[in-house]
Protein backbone atom coordinates (compact mmCIF):
# COMPACT_ATOMS: atom_id res chain seq x y z
CA MET A 1 23.81 -22.25 30.55
CA GLU A 2 25.38 -21.62 33.95
CA LEU A 3 24.62 -18.27 35.57
CA TRP A 4 28.23 -17.04 35.56
CA ILE A 5 28.49 -17.61 31.80
CA PHE A 6 25.23 -15.74 31.19
CA ALA A 7 26.43 -12.88 33.41
CA SER A 8 29.78 -12.66 31.60
CA VAL A 9 28.20 -12.59 28.13
CA ALA A 10 25.59 -10.05 29.26
CA ALA A 11 28.28 -7.84 30.80
CA ALA A 12 30.33 -7.92 27.58
CA LEU A 13 27.23 -7.02 25.55
CA PHE A 14 26.25 -4.12 27.81
CA GLN A 15 29.84 -2.85 27.76
CA THR A 16 29.89 -2.92 23.96
CA VAL A 17 26.61 -1.00 23.76
CA ARG A 18 27.95 1.56 26.24
CA PHE A 19 31.06 2.20 24.15
CA MET A 20 28.90 2.41 21.02
CA LEU A 21 26.82 5.15 22.63
CA GLN A 22 29.94 6.98 23.81
CA LYS A 23 31.35 6.86 20.29
CA VAL A 24 28.14 8.44 18.98
CA LEU A 25 28.27 11.16 21.64
CA SER A 26 31.94 11.94 21.08
CA THR A 27 31.53 12.08 17.30
CA ASP A 28 28.38 14.15 16.94
CA VAL A 29 27.53 15.84 20.24
CA LEU A 30 30.16 16.06 22.99
CA SER A 31 33.89 16.48 23.46
CA THR A 32 36.01 13.52 24.49
CA ALA A 33 35.87 14.57 28.16
CA GLY A 34 32.16 15.34 27.92
CA SER A 35 31.40 11.91 26.51
CA THR A 36 33.42 10.34 29.33
CA PHE A 37 31.55 12.43 31.92
CA ALA A 38 28.19 11.27 30.53
CA ARG A 39 28.96 7.74 31.70
CA PHE A 40 29.52 8.73 35.32
CA ALA A 41 26.84 11.43 35.40
CA TYR A 42 24.09 8.91 34.74
CA ALA A 43 25.71 5.83 36.28
CA ALA A 44 26.34 7.33 39.74
CA PRO A 45 22.65 7.96 40.64
CA ALA A 46 21.69 4.51 39.33
CA ALA A 47 24.46 2.84 41.35
CA MET A 48 23.45 4.70 44.50
CA LEU A 49 19.76 3.79 44.08
CA LEU A 50 20.56 0.14 43.42
CA THR A 51 22.87 -0.10 46.45
CA VAL A 52 20.38 1.60 48.76
CA CYS A 53 17.63 -0.77 47.61
CA TYR A 54 19.89 -3.77 48.16
CA LEU A 55 20.79 -2.62 51.68
CA TRP A 56 17.09 -2.10 52.45
CA LEU A 57 16.07 -5.52 51.12
CA ARG A 58 18.82 -7.24 53.09
CA THR A 59 18.19 -5.03 56.18
CA ALA A 60 21.95 -4.45 56.26
CA ASP A 61 23.87 -1.43 57.50
CA LEU A 62 26.29 0.54 55.36
CA PRO A 63 29.77 -0.85 56.18
CA GLN A 64 32.45 1.44 57.57
CA LEU A 65 34.97 2.57 54.96
CA GLN A 66 38.57 3.04 56.06
CA GLY A 67 41.33 5.14 54.50
CA ALA A 68 42.77 2.23 52.52
CA PHE A 69 39.41 1.71 50.83
CA TRP A 70 39.25 5.32 49.66
CA PHE A 71 42.87 5.23 48.45
CA TYR A 72 42.26 2.20 46.21
CA ALA A 73 38.82 3.43 45.12
CA TRP A 74 40.09 6.87 44.09
CA GLN A 75 43.17 5.39 42.43
CA GLY A 76 40.97 3.05 40.39
CA GLY A 77 38.48 5.81 39.66
CA LEU A 78 41.14 8.15 38.27
CA ALA A 79 42.66 5.36 36.16
CA GLN A 80 39.22 4.49 34.77
CA ILE A 81 38.49 8.11 33.85
CA LEU A 82 41.79 8.42 31.98
CA ALA A 83 41.30 5.00 30.33
CA THR A 84 37.82 5.93 29.12
CA VAL A 85 39.12 9.23 27.75
CA CYS A 86 41.77 7.29 25.81
CA VAL A 87 39.22 4.86 24.34
CA VAL A 88 36.79 7.61 23.32
CA ALA A 89 39.68 9.58 21.75
CA LEU A 90 40.80 6.40 19.96
CA PHE A 91 37.37 6.07 18.34
CA ARG A 92 38.16 9.32 16.50
CA GLN A 93 41.34 7.74 15.10
CA ARG A 94 40.32 4.17 14.22
CA ASN A 95 37.17 2.12 13.75
CA PHE A 96 35.14 0.78 16.67
CA ALA A 97 36.32 -2.85 16.50
CA VAL A 98 40.01 -1.91 16.48
CA GLY A 99 39.49 0.51 19.38
CA ILE A 100 37.91 -2.18 21.56
CA THR A 101 40.59 -4.71 20.58
CA PHE A 102 43.37 -2.37 21.71
CA LYS A 103 41.50 -1.91 25.01
CA LYS A 104 41.42 -5.68 25.57
CA THR A 105 45.24 -5.80 25.76
CA GLU A 106 44.77 -4.92 29.44
CA VAL A 107 44.97 -8.63 30.34
CA ILE A 108 48.40 -9.08 28.74
CA GLN A 109 49.72 -5.73 29.93
CA THR A 110 48.84 -6.61 33.52
CA ALA A 111 51.07 -9.67 33.30
CA ILE A 112 53.95 -7.74 31.76
CA VAL A 113 53.74 -5.03 34.41
CA GLY A 114 53.65 -7.72 37.09
CA VAL A 115 56.85 -9.27 35.76
CA ALA A 116 58.63 -5.94 35.31
CA LEU A 117 57.73 -4.34 38.63
CA PHE A 118 56.89 -7.14 41.03
CA GLY A 119 58.89 -10.11 39.78
CA ALA A 120 55.76 -12.14 39.02
CA GLU A 121 56.26 -15.41 37.14
CA VAL A 122 54.72 -16.15 33.74
CA SER A 123 54.68 -19.68 32.34
CA LEU A 124 56.10 -20.66 28.95
CA ALA A 125 52.57 -20.86 27.58
CA GLY A 126 51.92 -17.38 28.95
CA TRP A 127 54.95 -15.97 27.10
CA GLY A 128 53.74 -17.72 23.96
CA ALA A 129 50.39 -15.98 24.33
CA ILE A 130 52.16 -12.63 24.75
CA LEU A 131 54.16 -13.28 21.56
CA ILE A 132 50.95 -14.05 19.64
CA GLY A 133 49.50 -10.81 20.98
CA LEU A 134 52.55 -8.91 19.77
CA VAL A 135 51.92 -10.19 16.23
CA GLY A 136 48.33 -8.97 16.46
CA LEU A 137 49.50 -5.59 17.75
CA LEU A 138 51.95 -5.21 14.86
CA LEU A 139 49.15 -5.92 12.38
CA LEU A 140 46.74 -3.48 14.01
CA SER A 141 49.23 -0.68 14.58
CA ARG A 142 49.33 0.38 10.93
CA THR A 143 46.50 2.70 9.99
CA PRO A 144 44.70 1.62 6.76
CA GLY A 145 45.20 3.92 3.77
CA THR A 146 48.65 5.09 4.85
CA HIS A 147 52.13 4.05 3.76
CA ALA A 148 53.74 4.57 7.14
CA GLY A 149 56.38 2.08 8.18
CA LEU A 150 56.25 -0.35 11.10
CA TRP A 151 57.88 2.02 13.59
CA ALA A 152 55.58 4.86 12.60
CA GLY A 153 52.58 2.60 13.16
CA LEU A 154 53.79 1.43 16.57
CA THR A 155 54.46 5.00 17.67
CA SER A 156 51.25 6.45 16.21
CA ARG A 157 48.70 8.31 18.31
CA ALA A 158 46.11 5.55 17.82
CA THR A 159 48.45 2.78 19.01
CA GLY A 160 49.57 4.86 21.98
CA LEU A 161 46.00 5.64 23.01
CA GLY A 162 45.00 1.98 22.68
CA LEU A 163 47.85 0.57 24.73
CA LEU A 164 47.55 3.30 27.37
CA SER A 165 43.83 2.61 27.74
CA GLY A 166 44.52 -1.09 28.29
CA LEU A 167 47.15 -0.34 30.94
CA LEU A 168 44.89 2.13 32.76
CA PHE A 169 41.94 -0.26 32.70
CA ALA A 170 44.20 -2.94 34.20
CA ILE A 171 45.24 -0.56 37.01
CA SER A 172 41.60 0.36 37.54
CA ALA A 173 40.40 -3.23 37.81
CA THR A 174 43.20 -4.15 40.23
CA SER A 175 42.45 -1.12 42.40
CA TYR A 176 38.71 -1.86 42.52
CA ARG A 177 39.43 -5.41 43.59
CA ALA A 178 41.70 -4.12 46.38
CA ALA A 179 39.10 -1.55 47.46
CA SER A 180 36.30 -4.10 47.68
CA LEU A 181 38.46 -6.40 49.82
CA GLU A 182 38.87 -3.55 52.33
CA ILE A 183 35.12 -3.71 53.11
CA ALA A 184 34.37 -5.87 56.15
CA SER A 185 31.54 -7.98 54.76
CA GLU A 186 31.08 -11.53 53.51
CA ASP A 187 28.46 -10.37 50.98
CA ALA A 188 30.29 -10.00 47.66
CA LEU A 189 27.38 -8.18 46.01
CA LEU A 190 27.25 -5.68 48.87
CA ARG A 191 30.99 -5.02 48.56
CA ALA A 192 30.61 -4.58 44.80
CA GLY A 193 27.65 -2.22 45.11
CA VAL A 194 29.23 -0.03 47.80
CA THR A 195 32.52 0.18 45.90
CA LEU A 196 30.78 1.02 42.64
CA THR A 197 28.63 3.69 44.29
CA CYS A 198 31.57 5.38 46.00
CA VAL A 199 33.71 5.28 42.86
CA THR A 200 31.10 6.58 40.41
CA SER A 201 30.04 9.35 42.83
CA SER A 202 33.67 10.45 43.18
CA GLN A 203 34.15 10.32 39.41
CA LEU A 204 31.01 12.37 38.88
CA LEU A 205 32.22 15.10 41.24
CA ALA A 206 35.80 15.13 39.91
CA MET A 207 34.80 15.32 36.26
CA ALA A 208 32.13 17.93 36.91
CA LEU A 209 34.76 20.18 38.52
CA TRP A 210 37.20 19.54 35.66
CA LEU A 211 34.65 20.33 32.94
CA ARG A 212 33.46 23.44 34.76
CA TRP A 213 37.06 24.64 34.84
CA ARG A 214 38.43 23.49 31.48
CA GLU A 215 35.42 23.00 29.20
CA PRO A 216 32.59 25.35 30.19
CA GLY A 217 29.33 24.37 28.52
CA GLN A 218 30.02 20.65 28.33
CA ILE A 219 27.99 19.85 31.47
CA THR A 220 25.01 21.60 29.88
CA ALA A 221 25.67 19.70 26.65
CA VAL A 222 25.67 16.40 28.57
CA TRP A 223 22.28 17.28 30.04
CA ARG A 224 20.94 18.20 26.60
CA SER A 225 22.10 14.86 25.24
CA ARG A 226 20.45 12.97 28.11
CA ARG A 227 18.29 10.90 25.74
CA ILE A 228 21.46 9.04 24.79
CA GLY A 229 23.52 9.82 27.88
CA ILE A 230 21.16 8.12 30.30
CA TRP A 231 21.57 4.89 28.36
CA VAL A 232 25.35 5.26 28.60
CA GLY A 233 24.99 5.33 32.38
CA LEU A 234 22.48 2.48 32.59
CA THR A 235 24.43 0.15 30.28
CA SER A 236 27.58 1.00 32.24
CA MET A 237 25.82 0.03 35.45
CA ALA A 238 24.43 -3.19 34.00
CA GLY A 239 27.82 -4.21 32.62
CA SER A 240 29.64 -3.52 35.89
CA PHE A 241 27.21 -5.57 37.95
CA GLY A 242 27.37 -8.37 35.39
CA TRP A 243 31.15 -8.62 35.83
CA PHE A 244 30.91 -8.50 39.62
CA LEU A 245 28.26 -11.23 39.65
CA ALA A 246 30.33 -13.47 37.40
CA PHE A 247 33.45 -12.98 39.53
CA THR A 248 31.55 -14.08 42.65
CA LEU A 249 30.50 -17.32 40.96
CA GLN A 250 33.59 -18.34 38.98
CA THR A 251 37.35 -17.76 38.87
CA ALA A 252 38.48 -14.58 37.14
CA ALA A 253 40.41 -16.42 34.41
CA TYR A 254 37.32 -18.22 33.10
CA VAL A 255 35.18 -15.09 33.36
CA LYS A 256 37.74 -13.10 31.37
CA ALA A 257 37.92 -15.88 28.79
CA VAL A 258 34.15 -15.81 28.21
CA GLY A 259 34.28 -12.00 28.26
CA GLN A 260 36.42 -11.97 25.12
CA ILE A 261 33.15 -12.36 23.22
CA GLU A 262 33.18 -8.54 23.43
CA LEU A 263 35.57 -8.61 20.46
CA ILE A 264 32.87 -10.30 18.36
CA PHE A 265 30.22 -7.86 19.57
CA SER A 266 32.47 -4.89 18.74
CA LEU A 267 33.22 -6.23 15.26
CA MET A 268 29.50 -6.67 14.59
CA ALA A 269 28.81 -3.13 15.86
CA SER A 270 31.58 -1.68 13.70
CA VAL A 271 30.27 -3.27 10.50
CA LEU A 272 26.51 -3.37 11.06
CA PHE A 273 25.86 -0.21 13.09
CA PHE A 274 28.66 2.23 12.22
CA LYS A 275 29.02 0.91 8.63
CA GLU A 276 32.79 0.97 9.02
CA ARG A 277 35.09 -0.96 6.73
CA VAL A 278 37.30 -3.49 8.48
CA THR A 279 40.31 -4.52 6.41
CA ILE A 280 41.62 -8.06 6.11
CA ARG A 281 44.78 -6.96 7.93
CA GLU A 282 42.69 -5.64 10.84
CA LEU A 283 40.60 -8.82 10.96
CA VAL A 284 43.75 -10.95 11.14
CA GLY A 285 45.20 -8.64 13.82
CA ILE A 286 41.99 -8.85 15.86
CA GLY A 287 42.10 -12.63 15.51
CA PHE A 288 45.70 -12.85 16.75
CA LEU A 289 45.00 -10.62 19.74
CA ALA A 290 41.82 -12.51 20.60
CA LEU A 291 43.72 -15.82 20.48
CA SER A 292 46.50 -14.33 22.57
CA ILE A 293 44.15 -13.03 25.29
CA LEU A 294 42.13 -16.25 25.39
CA THR A 295 45.27 -18.38 25.65
CA PHE A 296 46.73 -16.16 28.33
CA VAL A 297 43.70 -16.09 30.64
CA LEU A 298 43.26 -19.86 30.34
CA VAL A 299 46.87 -20.62 31.38
CA LEU A 300 46.88 -18.22 34.34
């Protein structure tokens, strides 16, 4: 197996485990914002330590960071915070597998936003993939056990949270890419590490201030739940570096295609770990969306 494939699969696995842990925290221990904060609280120190060690091993200096870097980094960081909040809140509405599937619509939404706002071109095959994804979305939008109509399903809180999370994750990824390109270095891993350290440190500070203001006691609760929270941070770190490594070795389209294995991991977690029931309708919807995303990234 080539290294970039191994890195992509590993990143998808770590990301699934991280969301599993956040679901546990948000259900039994912390608020939605508190569970989101746990990721950055434990990821930021790990990112900083890893980056410092890398700089020391390579005897490299910390690159200068200009205003454009901080603009893109903070823009991506804010989008990622809001996206994570949406996903964690979605776990309270629907099962784990459906929540992750909604999140994966970020690939398709990026293309649609590009066409609508920037006049980007999408091939006929790309539009076909988007249509397949729409079928999957229609199947997933209806909450099991209810008799709500199609429009009610599409406008439900769960559907809104899922689609918004995908859009915000797409904005976040694009911003991080732009931020890393602002760093004057040929070392892709160095750019990734510095960007990740700056972003997670900023997110840690911003969310700590927010929780202190709006949800007093949650920071203490995050510390009390550190036995789980620290693994949220570490798996987040491992997943992020896995994606960055894969992107340095292979084109983004192929990496994203392999990364769709996260849908399988999330389905396994939903059934085997959370003991959730996945309906036939949801399975078919997940299948349509998975096919749509795979087709789309391969025709980019």
